[in-house]
């Protein structure tokens, strides 16, 4: 059985500030410098490059590119303008139709094209239809 006096002595040793290890000024400075990149929202480094790279990849994926196409582009070395160009090209390419405002398609694809923003114009013989881009403005 432990005596009350022994418990008091152990408790006094645990609570005594002299029993704690105190770091030197150099050790505290070193610890702070190690933590500095995690404490600042303005830090730049490997994390920023990875975030930019991942964001570029996600934008390209969302615009309709396949993973193989993105990897072949070497997107991590593209400028922001180049990535924007590829995203716009893919997103607007469906509606741009190389400058034409009308298109002949199989009648079975009318619903698909209308869903993409095209307007149905008229049926054609032999199972085809004309669709057109909507007027802007």
N, C-alpha and C. Protein backbone atom coordinates (compact mmCIF):
# COMPACT_ATOMS: atom_id res chain seq x y z
N UNK A 1 0.84 -1.17 0.00
CA UNK A 1 0.00 0.00 0.00
C UNK A 1 0.89 1.25 0.00
N UNK A 2 0.47 2.29 -0.74
CA UNK A 2 1.25 3.52 -0.83
C UNK A 2 0.84 4.46 0.29
N UNK A 3 1.83 5.02 0.92
CA UNK A 3 1.61 5.94 2.03
C UNK A 3 1.22 7.31 1.49
N UNK A 4 0.40 8.09 2.23
CA UNK A 4 -0.03 9.43 1.82
C UNK A 4 1.16 10.37 1.64
N UNK A 5 2.15 10.24 2.47
CA UNK A 5 3.35 11.08 2.37
C UNK A 5 4.07 10.83 1.05
N UNK A 6 4.13 9.55 0.62
CA UNK A 6 4.77 9.22 -0.66
C UNK A 6 3.98 9.84 -1.83
N UNK A 7 2.66 9.77 -1.74
CA UNK A 7 1.83 10.36 -2.79
C UNK A 7 2.04 11.86 -2.88
N UNK A 8 2.11 12.54 -1.75
CA UNK A 8 2.34 13.99 -1.74
C UNK A 8 3.68 14.33 -2.35
N UNK A 9 4.71 13.54 -2.02
CA UNK A 9 6.04 13.79 -2.56
C UNK A 9 6.06 13.60 -4.08
N UNK A 10 5.41 12.53 -4.58
CA UNK A 10 5.35 12.29 -6.02
C UNK A 10 4.57 13.42 -6.71
N UNK A 11 3.45 13.82 -6.11
CA UNK A 11 2.65 14.90 -6.68
C UNK A 11 3.43 16.20 -6.72
N UNK A 12 4.20 16.48 -5.68
CA UNK A 12 4.99 17.71 -5.68
C UNK A 12 6.08 17.69 -6.75
N UNK A 13 6.65 16.51 -7.00
CA UNK A 13 7.65 16.40 -8.07
C UNK A 13 7.03 16.61 -9.45
N UNK A 14 5.84 16.06 -9.66
CA UNK A 14 5.15 16.20 -10.96
C UNK A 14 4.78 17.65 -11.20
N UNK A 15 4.28 18.32 -10.17
CA UNK A 15 3.81 19.70 -10.32
C UNK A 15 4.94 20.72 -10.27
N UNK A 16 6.11 20.32 -9.88
CA UNK A 16 7.22 21.25 -9.74
C UNK A 16 7.71 21.72 -11.11
N UNK A 17 7.82 23.03 -11.31
CA UNK A 17 8.32 23.54 -12.59
C UNK A 17 9.77 23.16 -12.84
N UNK A 18 10.50 22.80 -11.82
CA UNK A 18 11.90 22.42 -12.00
C UNK A 18 12.05 21.07 -12.69
N UNK A 19 10.98 20.25 -12.68
CA UNK A 19 11.09 18.92 -13.28
C UNK A 19 10.83 18.96 -14.79
N UNK A 20 10.34 20.07 -15.34
CA UNK A 20 10.06 20.17 -16.78
C UNK A 20 11.32 20.54 -17.54
N UNK A 21 11.42 20.01 -18.77
CA UNK A 21 12.53 20.36 -19.65
C UNK A 21 12.23 21.71 -20.28
N UNK A 22 13.15 22.63 -20.20
CA UNK A 22 12.97 23.93 -20.82
C UNK A 22 13.85 24.01 -22.05
N UNK A 23 13.24 24.36 -23.18
CA UNK A 23 14.01 24.49 -24.41
C UNK A 23 14.78 25.79 -24.41
N UNK A 24 15.94 25.75 -25.06
CA UNK A 24 16.75 26.96 -25.17
C UNK A 24 16.11 27.89 -26.22
N UNK A 25 16.59 29.11 -26.27
CA UNK A 25 16.09 30.08 -27.25
C UNK A 25 16.32 29.56 -28.67
N UNK A 26 17.47 28.98 -28.93
CA UNK A 26 17.78 28.44 -30.27
C UNK A 26 16.82 27.31 -30.64
N UNK A 27 16.49 26.44 -29.69
CA UNK A 27 15.57 25.34 -29.95
C UNK A 27 14.17 25.86 -30.26
N UNK A 28 13.73 26.88 -29.50
CA UNK A 28 12.41 27.47 -29.76
C UNK A 28 12.39 28.15 -31.12
N UNK A 29 13.44 28.85 -31.50
CA UNK A 29 13.53 29.49 -32.81
C UNK A 29 13.49 28.46 -33.92
N UNK A 30 14.21 27.38 -33.74
CA UNK A 30 14.24 26.31 -34.73
C UNK A 30 12.85 25.69 -34.91
N UNK A 31 12.18 25.43 -33.80
CA UNK A 31 10.82 24.88 -33.87
C UNK A 31 9.88 25.83 -34.60
N UNK A 32 10.00 27.13 -34.31
CA UNK A 32 9.15 28.13 -34.94
C UNK A 32 9.39 28.19 -36.45
N UNK A 33 10.65 28.16 -36.85
CA UNK A 33 10.98 28.21 -38.27
C UNK A 33 10.46 26.98 -39.02
N UNK A 34 10.47 25.83 -38.35
CA UNK A 34 9.92 24.62 -38.97
C UNK A 34 8.42 24.74 -39.20
N UNK A 35 7.74 25.43 -38.29
CA UNK A 35 6.29 25.57 -38.38
C UNK A 35 5.85 26.74 -39.26
N UNK A 36 6.73 27.67 -39.53
CA UNK A 36 6.40 28.90 -40.24
C UNK A 36 5.61 28.68 -41.54
N UNK A 37 5.98 27.75 -42.42
CA UNK A 37 5.20 27.58 -43.65
C UNK A 37 3.74 27.18 -43.39
N UNK A 38 3.48 26.54 -42.27
CA UNK A 38 2.12 26.11 -41.95
C UNK A 38 1.31 27.20 -41.25
N UNK A 39 1.98 28.24 -40.78
CA UNK A 39 1.32 29.30 -40.03
C UNK A 39 0.92 30.47 -40.90
N UNK A 40 1.42 30.56 -42.09
CA UNK A 40 1.19 31.71 -42.95
C UNK A 40 0.31 31.32 -44.14
N UNK A 41 -0.68 32.17 -44.42
CA UNK A 41 -1.52 31.93 -45.59
C UNK A 41 -0.85 32.45 -46.85
N UNK A 42 0.24 33.18 -46.68
CA UNK A 42 0.93 33.75 -47.83
C UNK A 42 2.16 32.96 -48.25
N UNK A 43 2.37 31.81 -47.64
CA UNK A 43 3.57 31.05 -47.97
C UNK A 43 3.49 30.54 -49.40
N UNK A 44 4.62 30.48 -50.04
CA UNK A 44 4.71 29.98 -51.41
C UNK A 44 5.73 28.87 -51.42
N UNK A 45 5.47 27.89 -52.23
CA UNK A 45 6.41 26.79 -52.29
C UNK A 45 5.79 25.62 -53.01
N UNK A 46 6.20 24.44 -52.64
CA UNK A 46 5.74 23.22 -53.31
C UNK A 46 4.24 23.06 -53.20
N UNK A 47 3.63 23.45 -52.07
CA UNK A 47 2.19 23.30 -51.91
C UNK A 47 1.44 24.10 -52.97
N UNK A 48 1.89 25.34 -53.23
CA UNK A 48 1.20 26.19 -54.21
C UNK A 48 1.29 25.59 -55.61
N UNK A 49 2.44 25.07 -55.96
CA UNK A 49 2.61 24.46 -57.28
C UNK A 49 1.68 23.27 -57.43
N UNK A 50 1.58 22.45 -56.40
CA UNK A 50 0.71 21.29 -56.46
C UNK A 50 -0.76 21.69 -56.55
N UNK A 51 -1.16 22.74 -55.84
CA UNK A 51 -2.54 23.20 -55.89
C UNK A 51 -2.86 23.73 -57.28
N UNK A 52 -1.98 24.51 -57.86
CA UNK A 52 -2.19 25.05 -59.20
C UNK A 52 -2.29 23.92 -60.22
N UNK A 53 -1.40 22.95 -60.09
CA UNK A 53 -1.39 21.82 -61.01
C UNK A 53 -2.70 21.03 -60.90
N UNK A 54 -3.13 20.77 -59.69
CA UNK A 54 -4.36 20.01 -59.48
C UNK A 54 -5.58 20.79 -59.97
N UNK A 55 -5.60 22.09 -59.74
CA UNK A 55 -6.71 22.92 -60.21
C UNK A 55 -6.78 22.93 -61.73
N UNK A 56 -5.64 23.06 -62.39
CA UNK A 56 -5.60 23.03 -63.85
C UNK A 56 -6.14 21.71 -64.37
N UNK A 57 -5.73 20.62 -63.76
CA UNK A 57 -6.20 19.30 -64.19
C UNK A 57 -7.71 19.17 -64.01
N UNK A 58 -8.22 19.64 -62.88
CA UNK A 58 -9.66 19.55 -62.62
C UNK A 58 -10.46 20.41 -63.60
N UNK A 59 -9.95 21.59 -63.94
CA UNK A 59 -10.63 22.44 -64.92
C UNK A 59 -10.70 21.75 -66.28
N UNK A 60 -9.60 21.15 -66.67
CA UNK A 60 -9.58 20.44 -67.96
C UNK A 60 -10.52 19.24 -67.94
N UNK A 61 -10.55 18.50 -66.83
CA UNK A 61 -11.47 17.37 -66.73
C UNK A 61 -12.92 17.83 -66.80
N UNK A 62 -13.24 18.91 -66.07
CA UNK A 62 -14.61 19.42 -66.07
C UNK A 62 -15.04 19.93 -67.44
N UNK A 63 -14.10 20.40 -68.21
CA UNK A 63 -14.45 20.90 -69.54
C UNK A 63 -14.60 19.78 -70.57
N UNK A 64 -14.32 18.53 -70.16
CA UNK A 64 -14.59 17.41 -71.05
C UNK A 64 -13.39 16.65 -71.56
N UNK A 65 -12.20 17.05 -71.19
CA UNK A 65 -11.01 16.32 -71.62
C UNK A 65 -10.90 15.00 -70.84
N UNK A 66 -10.37 14.00 -71.48
CA UNK A 66 -10.10 12.71 -70.84
C UNK A 66 -8.73 12.79 -70.16
N UNK A 67 -8.52 11.94 -69.17
CA UNK A 67 -7.27 11.95 -68.42
C UNK A 67 -6.07 11.73 -69.35
N UNK A 68 -6.19 10.83 -70.32
CA UNK A 68 -5.08 10.58 -71.26
C UNK A 68 -4.76 11.83 -72.07
N UNK A 69 -5.80 12.56 -72.50
CA UNK A 69 -5.57 13.79 -73.26
C UNK A 69 -4.85 14.84 -72.40
N UNK A 70 -5.27 14.94 -71.15
CA UNK A 70 -4.68 15.93 -70.25
C UNK A 70 -3.21 15.61 -69.99
N UNK A 71 -2.92 14.34 -69.74
CA UNK A 71 -1.53 13.95 -69.50
C UNK A 71 -0.66 14.20 -70.72
N UNK A 72 -1.21 14.02 -71.90
CA UNK A 72 -0.45 14.26 -73.14
C UNK A 72 -0.18 15.75 -73.36
N UNK A 73 -1.00 16.62 -72.77
CA UNK A 73 -0.84 18.07 -72.94
C UNK A 73 0.33 18.64 -72.16
N UNK A 74 0.79 17.93 -71.13
CA UNK A 74 1.80 18.46 -70.22
C UNK A 74 1.28 19.74 -69.57
N UNK A 75 0.08 19.65 -69.02
CA UNK A 75 -0.64 20.79 -68.46
C UNK A 75 0.08 21.48 -67.30
N UNK A 76 0.94 20.77 -66.59
CA UNK A 76 1.60 21.37 -65.44
C UNK A 76 2.58 22.47 -65.85
N UNK A 77 3.00 22.47 -67.11
CA UNK A 77 3.93 23.49 -67.58
C UNK A 77 3.24 24.56 -68.42
N UNK A 78 1.90 24.47 -68.58
CA UNK A 78 1.16 25.47 -69.36
C UNK A 78 0.94 26.74 -68.55
N UNK A 79 0.85 27.85 -69.26
CA UNK A 79 0.51 29.11 -68.59
C UNK A 79 -0.99 29.11 -68.30
N UNK A 80 -1.41 30.05 -67.47
CA UNK A 80 -2.83 30.17 -67.16
C UNK A 80 -3.64 30.45 -68.42
N UNK A 81 -3.08 31.27 -69.30
CA UNK A 81 -3.78 31.62 -70.54
C UNK A 81 -3.97 30.40 -71.43
N UNK A 82 -2.96 29.54 -71.50
CA UNK A 82 -3.07 28.32 -72.31
C UNK A 82 -4.15 27.39 -71.76
N UNK A 83 -4.20 27.26 -70.45
CA UNK A 83 -5.23 26.42 -69.84
C UNK A 83 -6.61 27.00 -70.12
N UNK A 84 -6.76 28.31 -69.96
CA UNK A 84 -8.04 28.97 -70.26
C UNK A 84 -8.44 28.74 -71.71
N UNK A 85 -7.49 28.83 -72.62
CA UNK A 85 -7.77 28.61 -74.03
C UNK A 85 -8.30 27.19 -74.27
N UNK A 86 -7.65 26.20 -73.67
CA UNK A 86 -8.08 24.81 -73.85
C UNK A 86 -9.48 24.59 -73.25
N UNK A 87 -9.73 25.17 -72.09
CA UNK A 87 -11.04 25.02 -71.45
C UNK A 87 -12.12 25.66 -72.31
N UNK A 88 -11.88 26.90 -72.75
CA UNK A 88 -12.86 27.59 -73.62
C UNK A 88 -13.09 26.82 -74.91
N UNK A 89 -11.99 26.36 -75.50
CA UNK A 89 -12.08 25.63 -76.76
C UNK A 89 -12.97 24.40 -76.61
N UNK A 90 -12.79 23.66 -75.52
CA UNK A 90 -13.57 22.44 -75.31
C UNK A 90 -15.02 22.76 -74.97
N UNK A 91 -15.23 23.75 -74.10
CA UNK A 91 -16.60 24.08 -73.69
C UNK A 91 -17.39 24.73 -74.81
N UNK A 92 -16.76 25.61 -75.55
CA UNK A 92 -17.47 26.31 -76.62
C UNK A 92 -17.41 25.58 -77.94
N UNK A 93 -16.54 24.61 -78.04
CA UNK A 93 -16.39 23.87 -79.30
C UNK A 93 -17.67 23.21 -79.76
N UNK A 94 -18.47 22.73 -78.82
CA UNK A 94 -19.72 22.08 -79.16
C UNK A 94 -20.67 23.07 -79.82
N UNK A 95 -20.67 24.30 -79.32
CA UNK A 95 -21.58 25.30 -79.88
C UNK A 95 -20.95 26.12 -81.00
N UNK A 96 -19.65 26.14 -81.07
CA UNK A 96 -18.98 27.00 -82.05
C UNK A 96 -19.14 26.49 -83.47
N UNK A 97 -19.06 25.19 -83.68
CA UNK A 97 -19.25 24.57 -85.01
C UNK A 97 -18.42 25.26 -86.08
N UNK A 98 -17.22 25.67 -85.73
CA UNK A 98 -16.29 26.28 -86.69
C UNK A 98 -16.87 27.50 -87.39
N UNK A 99 -17.66 28.29 -86.71
CA UNK A 99 -18.20 29.51 -87.28
C UNK A 99 -19.54 29.35 -87.97
N UNK A 100 -20.00 28.15 -88.22
CA UNK A 100 -21.30 27.94 -88.85
C UNK A 100 -22.39 28.08 -87.80
N UNK A 101 -23.55 28.63 -88.21
CA UNK A 101 -24.62 28.76 -87.23
C UNK A 101 -25.73 27.73 -87.42
N UNK A 102 -25.64 26.90 -88.46
CA UNK A 102 -26.58 25.81 -88.67
C UNK A 102 -25.82 24.52 -88.92
N UNK A 103 -26.52 23.41 -88.64
CA UNK A 103 -25.87 22.11 -88.79
C UNK A 103 -26.92 21.07 -89.16
N UNK A 104 -26.56 20.15 -90.05
CA UNK A 104 -27.43 19.04 -90.42
C UNK A 104 -27.00 17.82 -89.61
N UNK A 105 -27.97 17.22 -88.95
CA UNK A 105 -27.69 16.08 -88.08
C UNK A 105 -28.72 14.98 -88.32
N UNK A 106 -28.45 13.74 -87.94
CA UNK A 106 -29.47 12.70 -88.00
C UNK A 106 -30.64 13.06 -87.08
N UNK A 107 -31.86 12.80 -87.52
CA UNK A 107 -33.05 13.16 -86.76
C UNK A 107 -33.03 12.54 -85.35
N UNK A 108 -32.39 11.40 -85.21
CA UNK A 108 -32.32 10.73 -83.91
C UNK A 108 -31.48 11.51 -82.90
N UNK A 109 -30.64 12.43 -83.37
CA UNK A 109 -29.77 13.20 -82.47
C UNK A 109 -30.33 14.58 -82.11
N UNK A 110 -31.54 14.89 -82.55
CA UNK A 110 -32.11 16.22 -82.29
C UNK A 110 -32.19 16.49 -80.79
N UNK A 111 -32.70 15.54 -80.01
CA UNK A 111 -32.82 15.75 -78.56
C UNK A 111 -31.47 16.04 -77.93
N UNK A 112 -30.46 15.31 -78.35
CA UNK A 112 -29.11 15.51 -77.81
C UNK A 112 -28.61 16.92 -78.10
N UNK A 113 -28.78 17.39 -79.34
CA UNK A 113 -28.29 18.72 -79.72
C UNK A 113 -29.09 19.83 -79.04
N UNK A 114 -30.39 19.65 -78.92
CA UNK A 114 -31.21 20.64 -78.23
C UNK A 114 -30.77 20.72 -76.76
N UNK A 115 -30.43 19.59 -76.18
CA UNK A 115 -29.92 19.57 -74.81
C UNK A 115 -28.59 20.28 -74.67
N UNK A 116 -27.83 20.39 -75.75
CA UNK A 116 -26.53 21.07 -75.73
C UNK A 116 -26.67 22.56 -76.05
N UNK A 117 -27.91 23.03 -76.31
CA UNK A 117 -28.10 24.46 -76.55
C UNK A 117 -28.47 24.81 -77.98
N UNK A 118 -28.52 23.86 -78.89
CA UNK A 118 -28.91 24.12 -80.27
C UNK A 118 -30.43 24.27 -80.34
N UNK A 119 -30.91 24.97 -81.38
CA UNK A 119 -32.35 25.11 -81.61
C UNK A 119 -32.73 24.27 -82.83
N UNK A 120 -33.86 23.57 -82.70
CA UNK A 120 -34.37 22.76 -83.82
C UNK A 120 -34.97 23.71 -84.85
N UNK A 121 -34.63 23.49 -86.14
CA UNK A 121 -35.13 24.34 -87.22
C UNK A 121 -36.18 23.61 -88.04
N UNK A 122 -35.80 22.49 -88.65
CA UNK A 122 -36.74 21.79 -89.53
C UNK A 122 -36.23 20.39 -89.83
N UNK A 123 -37.17 19.48 -90.17
CA UNK A 123 -36.75 18.15 -90.61
C UNK A 123 -36.31 18.20 -92.07
N UNK A 124 -35.47 17.27 -92.45
CA UNK A 124 -35.04 17.12 -93.84
C UNK A 124 -35.40 15.72 -94.30
N UNK A 125 -35.45 15.51 -95.61
CA UNK A 125 -35.71 14.16 -96.09
C UNK A 125 -34.58 13.20 -95.69
N UNK A 126 -34.84 11.95 -95.76
CA UNK A 126 -33.86 10.89 -95.48
C UNK A 126 -33.41 10.87 -94.01
N UNK A 127 -34.30 11.26 -93.08
CA UNK A 127 -34.02 11.12 -91.66
C UNK A 127 -33.01 12.09 -91.09
N UNK A 128 -32.93 13.28 -91.64
CA UNK A 128 -32.01 14.29 -91.12
C UNK A 128 -32.81 15.50 -90.63
N UNK A 129 -32.11 16.38 -89.90
CA UNK A 129 -32.75 17.60 -89.39
C UNK A 129 -31.73 18.72 -89.37
N UNK A 130 -32.26 19.94 -89.36
CA UNK A 130 -31.40 21.14 -89.27
C UNK A 130 -31.56 21.71 -87.87
N UNK A 131 -30.43 22.00 -87.25
CA UNK A 131 -30.40 22.70 -85.98
C UNK A 131 -29.55 23.95 -86.15
N UNK A 132 -29.78 24.95 -85.29
CA UNK A 132 -29.00 26.18 -85.40
C UNK A 132 -28.60 26.65 -84.01
N UNK A 133 -27.58 27.47 -83.99
CA UNK A 133 -27.16 28.07 -82.73
C UNK A 133 -28.16 29.14 -82.34
N UNK A 134 -28.43 29.29 -81.05
CA UNK A 134 -29.35 30.34 -80.62
C UNK A 134 -28.71 31.71 -80.84
N UNK A 135 -29.55 32.71 -81.07
CA UNK A 135 -29.04 34.08 -81.23
C UNK A 135 -28.65 34.61 -79.87
N UNK A 136 -27.50 35.27 -79.82
CA UNK A 136 -27.02 35.88 -78.58
C UNK A 136 -27.48 37.33 -78.54
N UNK A 137 -27.82 37.78 -77.33
CA UNK A 137 -28.15 39.18 -77.15
C UNK A 137 -29.58 39.35 -77.11
